């Protein structure tokens, strides 16, 4: 399964997401900020980043832009309480492969992660989602 970095500032949400992802068989590391997420990525490799957009120190768009500069093939999923068409476009432009509005459709998220895992297994990277 995938190794996932979960970047979410709300403790309850972060813990719930991490528990679900682990239940699905993924290896999960967490951060509560952009700075923490970027610091983690300097020292560790992951297959997927699952990031909230509204973070306390900066936003998820900035985070994934910097993360992609360091690790271009990383796969990324944005999560936010609000997603307009403009937000979705901004997310794609920043480097997110997928986006989910809160409350997250867990069945949909699980399917996306299964496809991402297949891309990692078959291609060795995140090019086919």
C-alpha atoms as a PDB file:
ATOM      1  CA  UNK A   1       0.000   0.000   0.000  1.00  0.00           C
ATOM      2  CA  UNK A   2       0.962   3.665  -0.151  1.00  0.00           C
ATOM      3  CA  UNK A   3       3.120   5.614   2.213  1.00  0.00           C
ATOM      4  CA  UNK A   4       1.177   8.797   2.936  1.00  0.00           C
ATOM      5  CA  UNK A   5       2.032  12.147   4.489  1.00  0.00           C
ATOM      6  CA  UNK A   6      -1.147  13.638   5.964  1.00  0.00           C
ATOM      7  CA  UNK A   7      -0.972  17.403   6.527  1.00  0.00           C
ATOM      8  CA  UNK A   8      -3.950  18.577   8.605  1.00  0.00           C
ATOM      9  CA  UNK A   9      -3.975  21.170  11.376  1.00  0.00           C
ATOM     10  CA  UNK A  10      -7.105  20.037  13.244  1.00  0.00           C
ATOM     11  CA  UNK A  11      -6.063  17.311  15.666  1.00  0.00           C
ATOM     12  CA  UNK A  12      -9.348  15.363  15.655  1.00  0.00           C
ATOM     13  CA  UNK A  13      -9.528  15.348  11.857  1.00  0.00           C
ATOM     14  CA  UNK A  14      -5.858  14.388  11.552  1.00  0.00           C
ATOM     15  CA  UNK A  15      -6.251  11.505  13.998  1.00  0.00           C
ATOM     16  CA  UNK A  16      -9.447  10.251  12.330  1.00  0.00           C
ATOM     17  CA  UNK A  17      -7.948  10.410   8.820  1.00  0.00           C
ATOM     18  CA  UNK A  18      -4.759   8.685   9.982  1.00  0.00           C
ATOM     19  CA  UNK A  19      -6.733   5.887  11.651  1.00  0.00           C
ATOM     20  CA  UNK A  20      -8.835   5.300   8.524  1.00  0.00           C
ATOM     21  CA  UNK A  21      -5.813   5.330   6.221  1.00  0.00           C
ATOM     22  CA  UNK A  22      -3.956   2.885   8.464  1.00  0.00           C
ATOM     23  CA  UNK A  23      -7.033   0.652   8.618  1.00  0.00           C
ATOM     24  CA  UNK A  24      -6.905   0.540   4.807  1.00  0.00           C
ATOM     25  CA  UNK A  25      -3.306  -0.698   5.044  1.00  0.00           C
ATOM     26  CA  UNK A  26      -1.371   2.489   4.303  1.00  0.00           C
ATOM     27  CA  UNK A  27       1.674   3.711   6.191  1.00  0.00           C
ATOM     28  CA  UNK A  28       0.829   7.179   7.505  1.00  0.00           C
ATOM     29  CA  UNK A  29       2.961  10.024   8.817  1.00  0.00           C
ATOM     30  CA  UNK A  30       1.357  13.274   9.933  1.00  0.00           C
ATOM     31  CA  UNK A  31       2.086  16.959  10.192  1.00  0.00           C
ATOM     32  CA  UNK A  32      -0.005  19.879  11.393  1.00  0.00           C
ATOM     33  CA  UNK A  33       1.604  22.579   9.234  1.00  0.00           C
ATOM     34  CA  UNK A  34       3.240  23.411   5.923  1.00  0.00           C
ATOM     35  CA  UNK A  35       6.610  23.875   7.630  1.00  0.00           C
ATOM     36  CA  UNK A  36       6.324  20.499   9.337  1.00  0.00           C
ATOM     37  CA  UNK A  37       5.266  18.776   6.127  1.00  0.00           C
ATOM     38  CA  UNK A  38       8.130  20.242   4.127  1.00  0.00           C
ATOM     39  CA  UNK A  39      10.588  19.363   6.878  1.00  0.00           C
ATOM     40  CA  UNK A  40       9.310  15.778   6.871  1.00  0.00           C
ATOM     41  CA  UNK A  41       9.714  15.543   3.090  1.00  0.00           C
ATOM     42  CA  UNK A  42      13.332  16.720   3.325  1.00  0.00           C
ATOM     43  CA  UNK A  43      14.154  13.598   5.340  1.00  0.00           C
ATOM     44  CA  UNK A  44      11.612  11.050   4.073  1.00  0.00           C
ATOM     45  CA  UNK A  45      10.022   9.763   0.885  1.00  0.00           C
ATOM     46  CA  UNK A  46       6.293   9.146   0.535  1.00  0.00           C
ATOM     47  CA  UNK A  47       4.077   8.046  -2.326  1.00  0.00           C
ATOM     48  CA  UNK A  48       1.166  10.373  -1.593  1.00  0.00           C
ATOM     49  CA  UNK A  49       0.555  13.660   0.174  1.00  0.00           C
ATOM     50  CA  UNK A  50      -2.945  14.243   1.523  1.00  0.00           C
ATOM     51  CA  UNK A  51      -3.155  17.894   2.525  1.00  0.00           C
ATOM     52  CA  UNK A  52      -5.723  20.274   3.885  1.00  0.00           C
ATOM     53  CA  UNK A  53      -5.805  23.610   2.084  1.00  0.00           C
ATOM     54  CA  UNK A  54      -6.446  25.820   5.113  1.00  0.00           C
ATOM     55  CA  UNK A  55      -3.334  25.467   7.260  1.00  0.00           C
ATOM     56  CA  UNK A  56      -2.148  27.832  10.007  1.00  0.00           C
ATOM     57  CA  UNK A  57       1.256  28.861   8.668  1.00  0.00           C
ATOM     58  CA  UNK A  58       0.588  28.894   4.908  1.00  0.00           C
ATOM     59  CA  UNK A  59      -1.902  27.246   2.587  1.00  0.00           C
ATOM     60  CA  UNK A  60      -1.938  23.816   0.993  1.00  0.00           C
ATOM     61  CA  UNK A  61      -1.390  25.304  -2.468  1.00  0.00           C
ATOM     62  CA  UNK A  62       1.963  26.734  -1.365  1.00  0.00           C
ATOM     63  CA  UNK A  63       2.792  23.447   0.339  1.00  0.00           C
ATOM     64  CA  UNK A  64       2.239  21.242  -2.698  1.00  0.00           C
ATOM     65  CA  UNK A  65       4.023  23.685  -5.011  1.00  0.00           C
ATOM     66  CA  UNK A  66       7.142  23.452  -2.830  1.00  0.00           C
ATOM     67  CA  UNK A  67       6.746  19.711  -2.285  1.00  0.00           C
ATOM     68  CA  UNK A  68       6.576  19.137  -6.056  1.00  0.00           C
ATOM     69  CA  UNK A  69       9.739  21.197  -6.570  1.00  0.00           C
ATOM     70  CA  UNK A  70      11.533  18.783  -4.245  1.00  0.00           C
ATOM     71  CA  UNK A  71       9.764  15.594  -5.333  1.00  0.00           C
ATOM     72  CA  UNK A  72       8.123  16.067  -8.755  1.00  0.00           C
ATOM     73  CA  UNK A  73       6.601  12.583  -8.951  1.00  0.00           C
ATOM     74  CA  UNK A  74       4.835  12.689  -5.597  1.00  0.00           C
ATOM     75  CA  UNK A  75       1.074  12.226  -5.879  1.00  0.00           C
ATOM     76  CA  UNK A  76      -1.097  14.745  -4.077  1.00  0.00           C
ATOM     77  CA  UNK A  77      -4.669  14.983  -2.855  1.00  0.00           C
ATOM     78  CA  UNK A  78      -6.171  18.235  -1.577  1.00  0.00           C
ATOM     79  CA  UNK A  79      -8.877  18.302   1.075  1.00  0.00           C
ATOM     80  CA  UNK A  80     -10.851  21.383   2.039  1.00  0.00           C
ATOM     81  CA  UNK A  81     -14.146  22.405   3.553  1.00  0.00           C
ATOM     82  CA  UNK A  82     -14.819  24.537   0.486  1.00  0.00           C
ATOM     83  CA  UNK A  83     -14.029  23.807  -3.140  1.00  0.00           C
ATOM     84  CA  UNK A  84     -15.282  25.991  -5.944  1.00  0.00           C
ATOM     85  CA  UNK A  85     -14.402  25.411  -9.584  1.00  0.00           C
ATOM     86  CA  UNK A  86     -11.764  28.144  -9.214  1.00  0.00           C
ATOM     87  CA  UNK A  87     -10.321  26.373  -6.157  1.00  0.00           C
ATOM     88  CA  UNK A  88     -10.122  23.118  -8.100  1.00  0.00           C
ATOM     89  CA  UNK A  89      -8.296  24.853 -10.939  1.00  0.00           C
ATOM     90  CA  UNK A  90      -5.931  26.544  -8.496  1.00  0.00           C
ATOM     91  CA  UNK A  91      -5.278  23.157  -6.894  1.00  0.00           C
ATOM     92  CA  UNK A  92      -4.435  21.559 -10.242  1.00  0.00           C
ATOM     93  CA  UNK A  93      -2.176  24.488 -11.120  1.00  0.00           C
ATOM     94  CA  UNK A  94      -0.386  24.163  -7.772  1.00  0.00           C
ATOM     95  CA  UNK A  95       0.192  20.442  -8.303  1.00  0.00           C
ATOM     96  CA  UNK A  96      -2.678  18.513  -6.724  1.00  0.00           C
ATOM     97  CA  UNK A  97      -3.792  15.441  -8.664  1.00  0.00           C
ATOM     98  CA  UNK A  98      -7.161  15.146  -6.939  1.00  0.00           C
ATOM     99  CA  UNK A  99      -9.329  17.097  -4.543  1.00  0.00           C
ATOM    100  CA  UNK A 100     -12.028  16.222  -2.037  1.00  0.00           C
ATOM    101  CA  UNK A 101     -14.431  18.513  -0.234  1.00  0.00           C
ATOM    102  CA  UNK A 102     -15.113  17.911   3.450  1.00  0.00           C
ATOM    103  CA  UNK A 103     -16.866  15.843   4.573  1.00  0.00           C
ATOM    104  CA  UNK A 104     -14.736  13.519   2.476  1.00  0.00           C
ATOM    105  CA  UNK A 105     -16.352  10.750   0.443  1.00  0.00           C
ATOM    106  CA  UNK A 106     -14.364   7.915   2.012  1.00  0.00           C
ATOM    107  CA  UNK A 107     -15.312   5.393  -0.667  1.00  0.00           C
ATOM    108  CA  UNK A 108     -14.089   7.797  -3.342  1.00  0.00           C
ATOM    109  CA  UNK A 109     -10.888   8.495  -1.426  1.00  0.00           C
ATOM    110  CA  UNK A 110     -10.232   4.783  -1.009  1.00  0.00           C
ATOM    111  CA  UNK A 111     -10.655   4.230  -4.758  1.00  0.00           C
ATOM    112  CA  UNK A 112      -8.287   7.082  -5.595  1.00  0.00           C
ATOM    113  CA  UNK A 113      -5.672   5.711  -3.195  1.00  0.00           C
ATOM    114  CA  UNK A 114      -6.028   2.248  -4.729  1.00  0.00           C
ATOM    115  CA  UNK A 115      -5.346   3.752  -8.181  1.00  0.00           C
ATOM    116  CA  UNK A 116      -2.406   5.702  -6.814  1.00  0.00           C
ATOM    117  CA  UNK A 117      -1.049   2.550  -5.209  1.00  0.00           C
ATOM    118  CA  UNK A 118      -1.341   0.750  -8.552  1.00  0.00           C
ATOM    119  CA  UNK A 119       0.608   3.574 -10.194  1.00  0.00           C
ATOM    120  CA  UNK A 120       3.346   3.239  -7.589  1.00  0.00           C
ATOM    121  CA  UNK A 121       3.497  -0.546  -7.976  1.00  0.00           C
ATOM    122  CA  UNK A 122       3.366  -0.611 -11.776  1.00  0.00           C
ATOM    123  CA  UNK A 123       5.195   2.570 -12.713  1.00  0.00           C
ATOM    124  CA  UNK A 124       7.348   3.282  -9.711  1.00  0.00           C
ATOM    125  CA  UNK A 125       5.932   6.797  -9.579  1.00  0.00           C
ATOM    126  CA  UNK A 126       2.755   8.793  -9.545  1.00  0.00           C
ATOM    127  CA  UNK A 127       2.289   9.458 -13.218  1.00  0.00           C
ATOM    128  CA  UNK A 128      -0.880   7.434 -13.770  1.00  0.00           C
ATOM    129  CA  UNK A 129      -3.831   8.406 -11.611  1.00  0.00           C
END
